[in-house]
Amino acid sequence: MAGEGKKSKTNVAARQEAKAAGNKCKYCGNKIEVVMTLTASGRKQMIRKCCGTPA
């Protein structure tokens, strides 16, 4: 059949699975945590943390 093996763009489960697979640390393989911090000047900053250091 035509299109066999392709995943639909509306397949939410497949998209969530692909998104979750991309959020791994390249050094240890654990999930990366995203944290919002404030700088000294008061601006918000998003930091991706894993292995105890910013990724």
Protein backbone atom coordinates (compact mmCIF):
# COMPACT_ATOMS: atom_id res chain seq x y z
CA MET A 1 0.00 0.00 0.00
CA ALA A 2 1.09 3.56 -0.62
CA GLY A 3 2.43 5.41 2.39
CA GLU A 4 3.03 2.27 4.41
CA GLY A 5 5.56 2.81 7.21
CA LYS A 6 5.15 6.59 7.23
CA LYS A 7 3.90 8.31 10.36
CA SER A 8 1.10 10.82 10.12
CA LYS A 9 1.66 14.40 11.26
CA THR A 10 -1.47 14.02 13.35
CA ASN A 11 -0.08 11.00 15.22
CA VAL A 12 0.39 12.77 18.57
CA ALA A 13 1.88 9.75 20.34
CA ALA A 14 4.61 9.40 17.71
CA ARG A 15 5.47 13.11 17.89
CA GLN A 16 5.68 13.03 21.70
CA GLU A 17 7.91 9.96 21.52
CA ALA A 18 10.26 11.66 19.04
CA LYS A 19 10.36 14.83 21.14
CA ALA A 20 11.18 12.89 24.33
CA ALA A 21 14.00 11.03 22.59
CA GLY A 22 15.72 14.32 21.73
CA ASN A 23 15.89 15.58 25.34
CA LYS A 24 18.81 13.42 26.45
CA CYS A 25 22.24 14.56 27.63
CA LYS A 26 24.97 13.81 25.11
CA TYR A 27 27.42 12.93 27.91
CA CYS A 28 25.47 10.79 30.41
CA GLY A 29 22.21 9.99 28.55
CA ASN A 30 19.95 11.29 31.33
CA LYS A 31 17.03 13.64 30.78
CA ILE A 32 17.98 17.34 30.58
CA GLU A 33 16.26 19.64 33.07
CA VAL A 34 15.31 23.15 31.94
CA VAL A 35 15.45 25.77 34.71
CA MET A 36 14.48 29.45 34.63
CA THR A 37 16.83 31.72 36.59
CA LEU A 38 17.17 35.44 37.15
CA THR A 39 20.37 37.26 36.24
CA ALA A 40 21.90 40.01 38.41
CA SER A 41 20.24 42.62 36.19
CA GLY A 42 16.80 41.03 36.75
CA ARG A 43 16.36 39.35 33.37
CA LYS A 44 14.97 35.82 33.08
CA GLN A 45 17.22 33.17 31.58
CA MET A 46 16.47 29.55 30.63
CA ILE A 47 19.28 27.12 31.46
CA ARG A 48 19.46 23.47 30.42
CA LYS A 49 21.05 21.50 33.26
CA CYS A 50 22.40 17.98 33.43
CA CYS A 51 25.37 16.28 35.13
CA GLY A 52 25.52 19.19 37.61
CA THR A 53 26.60 21.72 34.96
CA PRO A 54 24.78 23.79 32.32
CA ALA A 55 24.38 21.83 29.09
